[in-house]
N, C-alpha and C. Protein backbone atom coordinates (compact mmCIF):
# COMPACT_ATOMS: atom_id res chain seq x y z
N MET A 1 120.40 107.06 -94.40
CA MET A 1 121.20 107.17 -93.18
C MET A 1 122.43 106.29 -93.29
N SER A 2 123.62 106.84 -93.06
CA SER A 2 124.86 106.10 -93.19
C SER A 2 125.03 105.11 -92.04
N VAL A 3 126.01 104.19 -92.20
CA VAL A 3 126.26 103.20 -91.15
C VAL A 3 126.68 103.87 -89.86
N SER A 4 127.57 104.90 -89.98
CA SER A 4 128.04 105.60 -88.78
C SER A 4 126.91 106.34 -88.09
N GLN A 5 126.00 106.90 -88.89
CA GLN A 5 124.86 107.60 -88.32
C GLN A 5 123.93 106.63 -87.61
N THR A 6 123.76 105.42 -88.21
CA THR A 6 122.92 104.41 -87.60
C THR A 6 123.50 103.95 -86.28
N GLN A 7 124.82 103.74 -86.24
CA GLN A 7 125.48 103.32 -85.02
C GLN A 7 125.34 104.37 -83.93
N ASN A 8 125.51 105.66 -84.30
CA ASN A 8 125.35 106.74 -83.32
C ASN A 8 123.92 106.82 -82.84
N TYR A 9 122.97 106.58 -83.77
CA TYR A 9 121.56 106.63 -83.41
C TYR A 9 121.23 105.52 -82.42
N ASP A 10 121.75 104.30 -82.72
CA ASP A 10 121.48 103.17 -81.85
C ASP A 10 122.17 103.32 -80.50
N SER A 11 123.39 103.87 -80.49
CA SER A 11 124.11 104.05 -79.24
C SER A 11 123.41 105.06 -78.35
N SER A 12 122.70 106.00 -78.96
CA SER A 12 121.98 106.99 -78.16
C SER A 12 120.86 106.34 -77.36
N PHE A 13 120.30 105.25 -77.91
CA PHE A 13 119.26 104.54 -77.19
C PHE A 13 119.83 103.79 -75.98
N ASP A 14 121.09 103.37 -76.08
CA ASP A 14 121.70 102.66 -74.96
C ASP A 14 121.79 103.54 -73.72
N LYS A 15 121.78 104.85 -73.91
CA LYS A 15 121.82 105.77 -72.77
C LYS A 15 120.45 105.85 -72.10
N VAL A 16 119.42 105.52 -72.85
CA VAL A 16 118.04 105.59 -72.34
C VAL A 16 117.59 104.24 -71.79
N LEU A 17 117.95 103.17 -72.50
CA LEU A 17 117.53 101.83 -72.10
C LEU A 17 118.31 101.37 -70.87
N HIS A 18 117.63 100.64 -70.01
CA HIS A 18 118.23 100.20 -68.75
C HIS A 18 118.64 98.73 -68.82
N LYS A 19 119.62 98.37 -68.02
CA LYS A 19 120.00 96.97 -67.84
C LYS A 19 119.07 96.34 -66.80
N ARG A 20 119.00 95.02 -66.82
CA ARG A 20 118.16 94.31 -65.85
C ARG A 20 118.60 94.59 -64.41
N SER A 21 119.89 94.83 -64.23
CA SER A 21 120.43 95.06 -62.89
C SER A 21 120.21 96.48 -62.40
N ASP A 22 119.65 97.37 -63.25
CA ASP A 22 119.37 98.74 -62.83
C ASP A 22 118.09 98.79 -61.99
N LEU A 23 117.98 99.83 -61.19
CA LEU A 23 116.78 99.99 -60.36
C LEU A 23 115.56 100.28 -61.22
N HIS A 24 115.71 101.13 -62.21
CA HIS A 24 114.69 101.39 -63.23
C HIS A 24 113.31 101.68 -62.61
N LEU A 25 113.26 102.74 -61.82
CA LEU A 25 112.04 103.08 -61.09
C LEU A 25 110.87 103.41 -62.00
N LEU A 26 111.15 104.07 -63.13
CA LEU A 26 110.05 104.45 -64.02
C LEU A 26 109.31 103.23 -64.54
N ARG A 27 110.05 102.18 -64.87
CA ARG A 27 109.42 100.94 -65.34
C ARG A 27 108.57 100.32 -64.24
N LYS A 28 109.06 100.35 -63.02
CA LYS A 28 108.31 99.77 -61.90
C LYS A 28 107.04 100.56 -61.62
N ILE A 29 107.15 101.88 -61.69
CA ILE A 29 105.97 102.73 -61.48
C ILE A 29 104.94 102.48 -62.57
N TRP A 30 105.40 102.37 -63.80
CA TRP A 30 104.52 102.08 -64.93
C TRP A 30 103.85 100.71 -64.75
N HIS A 31 104.62 99.73 -64.35
CA HIS A 31 104.13 98.37 -64.12
C HIS A 31 103.01 98.37 -63.08
N ILE A 32 103.24 99.04 -61.97
CA ILE A 32 102.25 99.06 -60.88
C ILE A 32 101.03 99.89 -61.24
N SER A 33 101.25 101.06 -61.85
CA SER A 33 100.14 101.97 -62.13
C SER A 33 99.20 101.41 -63.20
N THR A 34 99.75 100.88 -64.29
CA THR A 34 98.89 100.34 -65.35
C THR A 34 98.15 99.10 -64.85
N GLY A 35 98.85 98.26 -64.08
CA GLY A 35 98.19 97.07 -63.54
C GLY A 35 97.09 97.43 -62.56
N SER A 36 97.33 98.44 -61.73
CA SER A 36 96.32 98.88 -60.76
C SER A 36 95.08 99.43 -61.46
N ILE A 37 95.30 100.19 -62.52
CA ILE A 37 94.16 100.73 -63.29
C ILE A 37 93.35 99.59 -63.90
N GLY A 38 94.07 98.60 -64.45
CA GLY A 38 93.38 97.45 -65.03
C GLY A 38 92.57 96.68 -64.00
N LEU A 39 93.15 96.47 -62.83
CA LEU A 39 92.44 95.78 -61.75
C LEU A 39 91.21 96.55 -61.32
N LEU A 40 91.34 97.87 -61.22
CA LEU A 40 90.21 98.71 -60.83
C LEU A 40 89.08 98.62 -61.85
N LEU A 41 89.43 98.68 -63.13
CA LEU A 41 88.41 98.60 -64.18
C LEU A 41 87.71 97.24 -64.15
N PHE A 42 88.50 96.19 -63.94
CA PHE A 42 87.93 94.84 -63.91
C PHE A 42 86.99 94.64 -62.73
N THR A 43 87.43 95.04 -61.55
CA THR A 43 86.63 94.81 -60.34
C THR A 43 85.39 95.69 -60.29
N ARG A 44 85.42 96.83 -60.99
CA ARG A 44 84.25 97.73 -60.97
C ARG A 44 83.34 97.53 -62.19
N SER A 45 83.75 96.69 -63.11
CA SER A 45 83.01 96.55 -64.36
C SER A 45 81.83 95.60 -64.23
N PRO A 46 80.72 95.91 -64.90
CA PRO A 46 79.58 94.98 -64.91
C PRO A 46 79.81 93.83 -65.89
N GLN A 47 80.82 93.95 -66.73
CA GLN A 47 81.12 92.90 -67.71
C GLN A 47 81.70 91.67 -67.00
N ASP A 48 81.49 90.50 -67.61
CA ASP A 48 81.97 89.28 -66.97
C ASP A 48 83.48 89.09 -67.19
N GLN A 49 84.01 88.10 -66.52
CA GLN A 49 85.45 87.85 -66.52
C GLN A 49 85.96 87.47 -67.91
N GLN A 50 85.16 86.69 -68.66
CA GLN A 50 85.57 86.28 -69.99
C GLN A 50 85.70 87.47 -70.93
N PHE A 51 84.82 88.44 -70.77
CA PHE A 51 84.89 89.66 -71.59
C PHE A 51 86.24 90.33 -71.42
N TRP A 52 86.68 90.49 -70.17
CA TRP A 52 87.97 91.13 -69.91
C TRP A 52 89.12 90.25 -70.35
N GLY A 53 88.93 88.94 -70.28
CA GLY A 53 89.95 88.03 -70.78
C GLY A 53 90.21 88.25 -72.26
N PHE A 54 89.15 88.43 -73.04
CA PHE A 54 89.31 88.66 -74.48
C PHE A 54 89.89 90.05 -74.75
N ILE A 55 89.53 91.03 -73.95
CA ILE A 55 90.12 92.37 -74.11
C ILE A 55 91.63 92.32 -73.93
N VAL A 56 92.07 91.66 -72.86
CA VAL A 56 93.50 91.58 -72.58
C VAL A 56 94.20 90.68 -73.60
N LEU A 57 93.50 89.65 -74.08
CA LEU A 57 94.07 88.80 -75.12
C LEU A 57 94.32 89.60 -76.39
N GLY A 58 93.42 90.53 -76.69
CA GLY A 58 93.62 91.41 -77.85
C GLY A 58 94.87 92.27 -77.69
N ILE A 59 95.10 92.77 -76.46
CA ILE A 59 96.31 93.54 -76.19
C ILE A 59 97.54 92.65 -76.35
N THR A 60 97.41 91.39 -75.93
CA THR A 60 98.50 90.43 -76.07
C THR A 60 98.90 90.26 -77.53
N LEU A 61 97.91 90.01 -78.38
CA LEU A 61 98.18 89.80 -79.80
C LEU A 61 98.77 91.05 -80.45
N ALA A 62 98.24 92.21 -80.08
CA ALA A 62 98.78 93.46 -80.61
C ALA A 62 100.23 93.65 -80.19
N GLY A 63 100.54 93.29 -78.94
CA GLY A 63 101.91 93.42 -78.44
C GLY A 63 102.87 92.50 -79.16
N PHE A 64 102.46 91.25 -79.39
CA PHE A 64 103.32 90.31 -80.12
C PHE A 64 103.54 90.76 -81.56
N ILE A 65 102.47 91.22 -82.20
CA ILE A 65 102.59 91.70 -83.59
C ILE A 65 103.54 92.89 -83.68
N LEU A 66 103.41 93.83 -82.74
CA LEU A 66 104.27 95.01 -82.74
C LEU A 66 105.73 94.61 -82.52
N ASP A 67 105.97 93.72 -81.56
CA ASP A 67 107.35 93.32 -81.27
C ASP A 67 107.98 92.56 -82.44
N ILE A 68 107.22 91.67 -83.05
CA ILE A 68 107.73 90.92 -84.20
C ILE A 68 108.01 91.86 -85.37
N THR A 69 107.10 92.83 -85.56
CA THR A 69 107.26 93.78 -86.66
C THR A 69 108.49 94.66 -86.46
N ARG A 70 108.66 95.18 -85.26
CA ARG A 70 109.77 96.11 -85.04
C ARG A 70 111.13 95.41 -85.08
N THR A 71 111.17 94.11 -84.77
CA THR A 71 112.45 93.39 -84.85
C THR A 71 112.84 93.13 -86.30
N ARG A 72 111.88 93.24 -87.21
CA ARG A 72 112.16 93.01 -88.63
C ARG A 72 112.27 94.32 -89.42
N LEU A 73 111.69 95.37 -88.90
CA LEU A 73 111.72 96.67 -89.59
C LEU A 73 112.40 97.70 -88.69
N PRO A 74 113.68 97.99 -88.93
CA PRO A 74 114.45 98.89 -88.06
C PRO A 74 113.82 100.26 -87.85
N PHE A 75 113.17 100.83 -88.89
CA PHE A 75 112.63 102.18 -88.73
C PHE A 75 111.46 102.19 -87.75
N ILE A 76 110.69 101.10 -87.70
CA ILE A 76 109.61 101.00 -86.71
C ILE A 76 110.20 100.79 -85.32
N ASN A 77 111.26 100.00 -85.26
CA ASN A 77 111.92 99.77 -83.97
C ASN A 77 112.45 101.08 -83.40
N ARG A 78 113.07 101.89 -84.25
CA ARG A 78 113.59 103.18 -83.78
C ARG A 78 112.46 104.08 -83.29
N LEU A 79 111.30 104.01 -83.97
CA LEU A 79 110.15 104.82 -83.56
C LEU A 79 109.64 104.38 -82.20
N VAL A 80 109.55 103.04 -82.00
CA VAL A 80 109.09 102.51 -80.72
C VAL A 80 110.07 102.88 -79.61
N LEU A 81 111.37 102.74 -79.89
CA LEU A 81 112.38 103.05 -78.88
C LEU A 81 112.38 104.54 -78.53
N LYS A 82 112.06 105.37 -79.50
CA LYS A 82 112.03 106.81 -79.26
C LYS A 82 110.98 107.18 -78.22
N PHE A 83 109.83 106.50 -78.29
CA PHE A 83 108.73 106.86 -77.39
C PHE A 83 108.68 105.97 -76.14
N ALA A 84 109.01 104.70 -76.28
CA ALA A 84 108.89 103.77 -75.16
C ALA A 84 110.23 103.39 -74.53
N GLY A 85 111.32 103.92 -75.08
CA GLY A 85 112.65 103.58 -74.60
C GLY A 85 112.85 103.72 -73.10
N PRO A 86 112.38 104.80 -72.47
CA PRO A 86 112.59 104.94 -71.02
C PRO A 86 111.95 103.84 -70.19
N LEU A 87 111.01 103.09 -70.77
CA LEU A 87 110.35 102.01 -70.05
C LEU A 87 110.94 100.64 -70.36
N MET A 88 111.88 100.60 -71.31
CA MET A 88 112.38 99.33 -71.80
C MET A 88 113.79 99.02 -71.31
N ARG A 89 114.15 97.75 -71.41
CA ARG A 89 115.49 97.30 -71.06
C ARG A 89 116.32 97.13 -72.34
N ARG A 90 117.63 97.12 -72.17
CA ARG A 90 118.52 96.93 -73.31
C ARG A 90 118.30 95.59 -73.98
N SER A 91 117.97 94.59 -73.19
CA SER A 91 117.73 93.26 -73.75
C SER A 91 116.49 93.23 -74.63
N GLU A 92 115.61 94.23 -74.51
CA GLU A 92 114.39 94.28 -75.30
C GLU A 92 114.54 95.11 -76.56
N ARG A 93 115.70 95.72 -76.75
CA ARG A 93 115.89 96.64 -77.89
C ARG A 93 115.67 95.94 -79.22
N ASP A 94 116.24 94.77 -79.38
CA ASP A 94 116.13 94.04 -80.63
C ASP A 94 115.39 92.71 -80.46
N GLY A 95 114.62 92.58 -79.38
CA GLY A 95 113.89 91.34 -79.13
C GLY A 95 112.52 91.63 -78.54
N MET A 96 111.93 90.61 -77.97
CA MET A 96 110.59 90.75 -77.41
C MET A 96 110.63 91.56 -76.13
N SER A 97 109.62 92.39 -75.94
CA SER A 97 109.48 93.16 -74.71
C SER A 97 108.64 92.40 -73.71
N GLY A 98 108.48 92.95 -72.51
CA GLY A 98 107.69 92.28 -71.49
C GLY A 98 106.19 92.48 -71.65
N LEU A 99 105.77 93.48 -72.45
CA LEU A 99 104.35 93.82 -72.55
C LEU A 99 103.47 92.66 -72.99
N PRO A 100 103.75 91.97 -74.11
CA PRO A 100 102.83 90.90 -74.51
C PRO A 100 102.79 89.76 -73.52
N PHE A 101 103.89 89.48 -72.83
CA PHE A 101 103.89 88.41 -71.83
C PHE A 101 103.10 88.83 -70.60
N TYR A 102 103.18 90.10 -70.24
CA TYR A 102 102.39 90.67 -69.14
C TYR A 102 100.90 90.48 -69.43
N ALA A 103 100.49 90.89 -70.64
CA ALA A 103 99.08 90.78 -71.02
C ALA A 103 98.66 89.32 -71.16
N LEU A 104 99.55 88.47 -71.67
CA LEU A 104 99.23 87.05 -71.82
C LEU A 104 99.01 86.39 -70.46
N GLY A 105 99.88 86.70 -69.50
CA GLY A 105 99.72 86.15 -68.16
C GLY A 105 98.40 86.55 -67.53
N VAL A 106 98.02 87.82 -67.71
CA VAL A 106 96.75 88.31 -67.15
C VAL A 106 95.57 87.63 -67.84
N SER A 107 95.61 87.55 -69.17
CA SER A 107 94.48 86.96 -69.90
C SER A 107 94.29 85.49 -69.55
N LEU A 108 95.38 84.73 -69.41
CA LEU A 108 95.26 83.32 -69.05
C LEU A 108 94.66 83.17 -67.65
N SER A 109 95.04 84.05 -66.73
CA SER A 109 94.47 84.02 -65.39
C SER A 109 92.97 84.28 -65.43
N LEU A 110 92.56 85.23 -66.24
CA LEU A 110 91.14 85.57 -66.33
C LEU A 110 90.34 84.44 -66.98
N PHE A 111 90.95 83.74 -67.92
CA PHE A 111 90.25 82.65 -68.61
C PHE A 111 90.12 81.39 -67.76
N PHE A 112 91.16 81.05 -67.00
CA PHE A 112 91.22 79.72 -66.40
C PHE A 112 91.00 79.66 -64.88
N TYR A 113 91.04 80.81 -64.20
CA TYR A 113 90.91 80.76 -62.74
C TYR A 113 89.64 81.45 -62.28
N ASP A 114 89.14 80.99 -61.13
CA ASP A 114 87.98 81.65 -60.53
C ASP A 114 88.32 83.11 -60.21
N ARG A 115 87.29 83.90 -60.07
CA ARG A 115 87.48 85.35 -59.96
C ARG A 115 88.47 85.74 -58.87
N ASN A 116 88.28 85.25 -57.65
CA ASN A 116 89.17 85.65 -56.55
C ASN A 116 90.61 85.20 -56.77
N ILE A 117 90.78 83.99 -57.27
CA ILE A 117 92.12 83.49 -57.56
C ILE A 117 92.75 84.31 -58.68
N ALA A 118 91.97 84.63 -59.71
CA ALA A 118 92.48 85.43 -60.83
C ALA A 118 92.93 86.81 -60.35
N ILE A 119 92.12 87.43 -59.50
CA ILE A 119 92.47 88.76 -58.98
C ILE A 119 93.76 88.69 -58.17
N LEU A 120 93.89 87.70 -57.31
CA LEU A 120 95.10 87.55 -56.51
C LEU A 120 96.33 87.31 -57.38
N SER A 121 96.20 86.45 -58.37
CA SER A 121 97.35 86.15 -59.23
C SER A 121 97.80 87.38 -60.01
N VAL A 122 96.85 88.19 -60.45
CA VAL A 122 97.21 89.43 -61.16
C VAL A 122 97.81 90.44 -60.19
N MET A 123 97.28 90.50 -58.97
CA MET A 123 97.86 91.39 -57.97
C MET A 123 99.29 90.99 -57.64
N PHE A 124 99.58 89.70 -57.63
CA PHE A 124 100.96 89.24 -57.43
C PHE A 124 101.86 89.81 -58.52
N LEU A 125 101.37 89.74 -59.77
CA LEU A 125 102.14 90.25 -60.90
C LEU A 125 102.34 91.76 -60.79
N VAL A 126 101.27 92.46 -60.46
CA VAL A 126 101.31 93.93 -60.44
C VAL A 126 102.23 94.45 -59.34
N PHE A 127 102.20 93.83 -58.17
CA PHE A 127 102.94 94.39 -57.03
C PHE A 127 104.19 93.59 -56.64
N SER A 128 104.09 92.28 -56.64
CA SER A 128 105.23 91.48 -56.17
C SER A 128 106.42 91.55 -57.11
N ASP A 129 106.16 91.50 -58.40
CA ASP A 129 107.25 91.51 -59.38
C ASP A 129 108.13 92.75 -59.24
N PRO A 130 107.56 93.97 -59.30
CA PRO A 130 108.43 95.15 -59.17
C PRO A 130 109.05 95.31 -57.79
N LEU A 131 108.33 94.92 -56.73
CA LEU A 131 108.87 95.09 -55.38
C LEU A 131 110.01 94.10 -55.09
N SER A 132 109.87 92.86 -55.56
CA SER A 132 110.96 91.90 -55.36
C SER A 132 112.19 92.33 -56.16
N SER A 133 111.97 92.89 -57.35
CA SER A 133 113.08 93.42 -58.14
C SER A 133 113.73 94.61 -57.45
N PHE A 134 112.91 95.49 -56.89
CA PHE A 134 113.41 96.68 -56.19
C PHE A 134 114.34 96.29 -55.05
N PHE A 135 113.87 95.38 -54.19
CA PHE A 135 114.69 94.97 -53.05
C PHE A 135 115.87 94.10 -53.49
N GLY A 136 115.67 93.34 -54.55
CA GLY A 136 116.76 92.52 -55.05
C GLY A 136 117.90 93.36 -55.59
N VAL A 137 117.58 94.43 -56.31
CA VAL A 137 118.61 95.31 -56.87
C VAL A 137 119.33 96.07 -55.75
N LEU A 138 118.57 96.56 -54.78
CA LEU A 138 119.17 97.37 -53.72
C LEU A 138 119.93 96.54 -52.68
N TYR A 139 119.37 95.39 -52.33
CA TYR A 139 119.93 94.65 -51.20
C TYR A 139 120.29 93.20 -51.54
N GLY A 140 120.18 92.82 -52.80
CA GLY A 140 120.37 91.42 -53.18
C GLY A 140 121.82 90.96 -53.19
N LYS A 141 122.35 90.68 -52.03
CA LYS A 141 123.76 90.25 -51.90
C LYS A 141 123.92 88.74 -51.99
N ASP A 142 122.88 87.99 -51.65
CA ASP A 142 122.98 86.53 -51.61
C ASP A 142 122.24 85.92 -52.79
N LYS A 143 122.97 85.56 -53.83
CA LYS A 143 122.38 85.00 -55.04
C LYS A 143 121.98 83.55 -54.82
N ILE A 144 120.76 83.21 -55.21
CA ILE A 144 120.30 81.83 -55.11
C ILE A 144 120.07 81.22 -56.49
N LEU A 145 119.85 82.07 -57.50
CA LEU A 145 119.70 81.67 -58.89
C LEU A 145 120.24 82.81 -59.76
N PRO A 146 120.53 82.55 -61.03
CA PRO A 146 120.97 83.65 -61.90
C PRO A 146 119.97 84.81 -61.89
N ASN A 147 120.45 86.00 -61.59
CA ASN A 147 119.63 87.22 -61.54
C ASN A 147 118.57 87.19 -60.44
N LYS A 148 118.69 86.25 -59.48
CA LYS A 148 117.74 86.17 -58.39
C LYS A 148 118.48 86.11 -57.06
N SER A 149 118.00 86.87 -56.10
CA SER A 149 118.65 86.92 -54.79
C SER A 149 117.70 86.48 -53.69
N LEU A 150 118.26 86.09 -52.57
CA LEU A 150 117.46 85.72 -51.41
C LEU A 150 116.64 86.90 -50.94
N GLN A 151 117.25 88.09 -50.95
CA GLN A 151 116.55 89.28 -50.46
C GLN A 151 115.35 89.62 -51.35
N GLY A 152 115.51 89.49 -52.66
CA GLY A 152 114.40 89.74 -53.57
C GLY A 152 113.29 88.73 -53.40
N ALA A 153 113.68 87.46 -53.19
CA ALA A 153 112.69 86.40 -53.00
C ALA A 153 111.90 86.61 -51.71
N VAL A 154 112.59 87.03 -50.64
CA VAL A 154 111.91 87.30 -49.37
C VAL A 154 110.92 88.46 -49.53
N ALA A 155 111.34 89.49 -50.25
CA ALA A 155 110.44 90.63 -50.50
C ALA A 155 109.23 90.17 -51.30
N GLY A 156 109.44 89.28 -52.28
CA GLY A 156 108.32 88.76 -53.05
C GLY A 156 107.37 87.95 -52.19
N PHE A 157 107.94 87.13 -51.29
CA PHE A 157 107.09 86.33 -50.40
C PHE A 157 106.21 87.22 -49.54
N PHE A 158 106.81 88.20 -48.87
CA PHE A 158 106.03 89.05 -47.96
C PHE A 158 105.00 89.88 -48.72
N THR A 159 105.33 90.31 -49.93
CA THR A 159 104.36 91.06 -50.72
C THR A 159 103.15 90.19 -51.05
N CYS A 160 103.40 88.98 -51.53
CA CYS A 160 102.30 88.07 -51.88
C CYS A 160 101.52 87.64 -50.64
N TYR A 161 102.23 87.41 -49.55
CA TYR A 161 101.58 87.03 -48.29
C TYR A 161 100.63 88.13 -47.82
N LEU A 162 101.09 89.37 -47.79
CA LEU A 162 100.27 90.48 -47.30
C LEU A 162 99.09 90.75 -48.23
N ILE A 163 99.34 90.68 -49.54
CA ILE A 163 98.25 90.86 -50.50
C ILE A 163 97.15 89.83 -50.24
N THR A 164 97.56 88.56 -50.11
CA THR A 164 96.58 87.48 -49.89
C THR A 164 95.86 87.64 -48.56
N LEU A 165 96.61 87.99 -47.52
CA LEU A 165 96.02 88.12 -46.19
C LEU A 165 94.95 89.20 -46.17
N PHE A 166 95.28 90.40 -46.66
CA PHE A 166 94.33 91.51 -46.60
C PHE A 166 93.17 91.30 -47.57
N TYR A 167 93.44 90.69 -48.72
CA TYR A 167 92.35 90.44 -49.67
C TYR A 167 91.35 89.44 -49.10
N THR A 168 91.85 88.33 -48.57
CA THR A 168 90.95 87.30 -48.03
C THR A 168 90.20 87.80 -46.80
N MET A 169 90.87 88.62 -45.97
CA MET A 169 90.20 89.16 -44.77
C MET A 169 89.00 90.02 -45.13
N ASN A 170 89.02 90.60 -46.32
CA ASN A 170 87.93 91.47 -46.75
C ASN A 170 86.88 90.75 -47.59
N HIS A 171 87.10 89.44 -47.82
CA HIS A 171 86.16 88.74 -48.69
C HIS A 171 85.59 87.46 -48.10
N VAL A 172 86.19 86.95 -47.03
CA VAL A 172 85.69 85.70 -46.45
C VAL A 172 85.66 85.83 -44.93
N THR A 173 85.00 84.87 -44.27
CA THR A 173 84.92 84.85 -42.82
C THR A 173 86.29 84.60 -42.21
N LEU A 174 86.63 85.36 -41.19
CA LEU A 174 87.95 85.24 -40.57
C LEU A 174 88.13 83.88 -39.91
N GLY A 175 89.38 83.40 -39.94
CA GLY A 175 89.72 82.12 -39.31
C GLY A 175 91.17 81.78 -39.54
N ASN A 176 91.65 80.75 -38.86
CA ASN A 176 93.05 80.35 -39.00
C ASN A 176 93.39 79.90 -40.42
N HIS A 177 92.38 79.42 -41.14
CA HIS A 177 92.62 78.95 -42.50
C HIS A 177 93.11 80.08 -43.40
N ILE A 178 92.70 81.31 -43.10
CA ILE A 178 93.15 82.45 -43.90
C ILE A 178 94.65 82.65 -43.75
N LEU A 179 95.15 82.55 -42.53
CA LEU A 179 96.58 82.73 -42.28
C LEU A 179 97.39 81.64 -42.98
N ILE A 180 96.92 80.40 -42.89
CA ILE A 180 97.61 79.29 -43.55
C ILE A 180 97.62 79.50 -45.06
N PHE A 181 96.47 79.86 -45.60
CA PHE A 181 96.36 80.10 -47.04
C PHE A 181 97.30 81.21 -47.47
N ALA A 182 97.36 82.30 -46.70
CA ALA A 182 98.20 83.44 -47.06
C ALA A 182 99.68 83.09 -47.04
N VAL A 183 100.10 82.32 -46.04
CA VAL A 183 101.52 81.93 -45.95
C VAL A 183 101.92 81.07 -47.14
N VAL A 184 101.11 80.07 -47.44
CA VAL A 184 101.44 79.18 -48.56
C VAL A 184 101.34 79.92 -49.88
N ALA A 185 100.34 80.80 -50.02
CA ALA A 185 100.21 81.60 -51.24
C ALA A 185 101.42 82.51 -51.42
N GLY A 186 101.94 83.05 -50.33
CA GLY A 186 103.14 83.87 -50.40
C GLY A 186 104.32 83.08 -50.93
N MET A 187 104.45 81.84 -50.48
CA MET A 187 105.53 80.96 -50.96
C MET A 187 105.34 80.64 -52.44
N ILE A 188 104.10 80.39 -52.84
CA ILE A 188 103.81 80.09 -54.24
C ILE A 188 104.16 81.29 -55.12
N GLY A 189 103.77 82.49 -54.66
CA GLY A 189 104.08 83.69 -55.43
C GLY A 189 105.57 83.91 -55.59
N ALA A 190 106.32 83.73 -54.51
CA ALA A 190 107.77 83.92 -54.56
C ALA A 190 108.42 82.91 -55.49
N LEU A 191 107.98 81.65 -55.43
CA LEU A 191 108.54 80.61 -56.29
C LEU A 191 108.21 80.85 -57.75
N SER A 192 107.02 81.36 -58.02
CA SER A 192 106.63 81.62 -59.41
C SER A 192 107.49 82.71 -60.04
N GLU A 193 107.99 83.62 -59.21
CA GLU A 193 108.89 84.65 -59.72
C GLU A 193 110.29 84.09 -59.94
N LEU A 194 110.72 83.18 -59.09
CA LEU A 194 112.06 82.59 -59.22
C LEU A 194 112.18 81.73 -60.47
N VAL A 195 111.06 81.15 -60.91
CA VAL A 195 111.08 80.29 -62.11
C VAL A 195 111.59 81.06 -63.33
N SER A 196 111.40 82.38 -63.34
CA SER A 196 111.82 83.19 -64.49
C SER A 196 113.33 83.19 -64.66
N ALA A 197 114.08 82.70 -63.67
CA ALA A 197 115.53 82.60 -63.80
C ALA A 197 115.91 81.62 -64.91
N PHE A 198 114.97 80.74 -65.28
CA PHE A 198 115.24 79.73 -66.31
C PHE A 198 114.71 80.19 -67.67
N ASN A 199 114.99 81.46 -67.99
CA ASN A 199 114.69 82.04 -69.31
C ASN A 199 113.21 81.99 -69.67
N VAL A 200 112.37 82.19 -68.67
CA VAL A 200 110.93 82.34 -68.90
C VAL A 200 110.52 83.69 -68.32
N ASP A 201 109.74 84.45 -69.06
CA ASP A 201 109.38 85.79 -68.62
C ASP A 201 108.52 85.73 -67.36
N ASP A 202 108.93 86.46 -66.31
CA ASP A 202 108.17 86.41 -65.05
C ASP A 202 106.81 87.09 -65.16
N ASN A 203 106.61 87.92 -66.19
CA ASN A 203 105.29 88.48 -66.42
C ASN A 203 104.28 87.39 -66.76
N LEU A 204 104.78 86.26 -67.24
CA LEU A 204 103.93 85.12 -67.55
C LEU A 204 103.89 84.11 -66.41
N THR A 205 105.06 83.82 -65.83
CA THR A 205 105.11 82.78 -64.80
C THR A 205 104.38 83.18 -63.52
N ILE A 206 104.48 84.45 -63.13
CA ILE A 206 103.89 84.86 -61.85
C ILE A 206 102.37 84.66 -61.81
N PRO A 207 101.61 85.24 -62.75
CA PRO A 207 100.16 85.05 -62.64
C PRO A 207 99.70 83.63 -62.94
N VAL A 208 100.32 82.97 -63.93
CA VAL A 208 99.87 81.64 -64.33
C VAL A 208 100.19 80.60 -63.26
N LEU A 209 101.44 80.56 -62.80
CA LEU A 209 101.83 79.58 -61.80
C LEU A 209 101.22 79.88 -60.43
N SER A 210 101.12 81.16 -60.09
CA SER A 210 100.49 81.53 -58.82
C SER A 210 99.01 81.13 -58.81
N GLY A 211 98.33 81.44 -59.91
CA GLY A 211 96.92 81.07 -59.99
C GLY A 211 96.71 79.57 -59.92
N LEU A 212 97.57 78.82 -60.60
CA LEU A 212 97.48 77.36 -60.57
C LEU A 212 97.74 76.83 -59.15
N GLY A 213 98.79 77.36 -58.52
CA GLY A 213 99.13 76.92 -57.17
C GLY A 213 98.03 77.24 -56.17
N MET A 214 97.45 78.43 -56.27
CA MET A 214 96.40 78.81 -55.32
C MET A 214 95.10 78.05 -55.59
N THR A 215 94.87 77.68 -56.83
CA THR A 215 93.69 76.86 -57.15
C THR A 215 93.79 75.50 -56.48
N VAL A 216 94.98 74.89 -56.56
CA VAL A 216 95.21 73.61 -55.89
C VAL A 216 95.14 73.78 -54.37
N LEU A 217 95.78 74.84 -53.88
CA LEU A 217 95.78 75.11 -52.45
C LEU A 217 94.37 75.28 -51.90
N ASN A 218 93.50 75.92 -52.69
CA ASN A 218 92.15 76.19 -52.23
C ASN A 218 91.33 74.91 -52.07
N HIS A 219 91.76 73.83 -52.71
CA HIS A 219 91.08 72.55 -52.54
C HIS A 219 91.40 71.93 -51.19
N PHE A 220 92.57 72.25 -50.66
CA PHE A 220 93.00 71.68 -49.38
C PHE A 220 92.73 72.63 -48.20
N VAL A 221 92.92 73.91 -48.44
CA VAL A 221 92.61 74.93 -47.43
C VAL A 221 91.61 75.88 -48.07
N THR A 222 90.35 75.54 -47.93
CA THR A 222 89.31 76.25 -48.67
C THR A 222 89.06 77.64 -48.07
N VAL A 223 89.36 78.63 -48.88
CA VAL A 223 89.10 80.03 -48.51
C VAL A 223 88.00 80.59 -49.38
N PHE A 224 88.04 80.22 -50.67
CA PHE A 224 87.01 80.69 -51.61
C PHE A 224 86.15 79.50 -52.01
N PRO A 225 84.93 79.41 -51.47
CA PRO A 225 84.03 78.27 -51.75
C PRO A 225 83.71 78.17 -53.24
């Protein structure tokens, strides 16, 4: 393949790959649907939490190996972009994708947090991340950090708050402590997404930092004994 052919081939991918500032609905739908399926399998499975932690860790390692390989072997990269391009961003074309960080964040949550905290932290990743991005792209006029807006952060807070509120209402005895826990958890979830503005993948920061924050919070406002 000639240099000009390679350039034309690569430029064709730029038409498929999205920028971070794009709405990119297909990626958000994929993010939510795959995460929801994973949560369903985990919550309905007779296998213990550690078992699923190792399963997701295996996906993590496979994702890192694939990304490292394709960045070094152009023909593999072109093959990956051909099939997965509609789900990827331009920044991921010649670098790491979000997949291994997504799986790593989930696996760390499963390994280190109690079941209810782990489920909530993964739910934050599955739903809050794409929804805060959705509202941030559409309505994010007030920037508070690079690539982060007040509107996106507010959407992330309410998503995490509602997830926590409805989840706890269905798993523990009702009381004012649930409302307090949900409000603070919503703030923790929103902040964990904002941390990604400092060149850290939010697929990793959201579940890990949210789970850590809610674990500490649960010691002061006990919702999960």
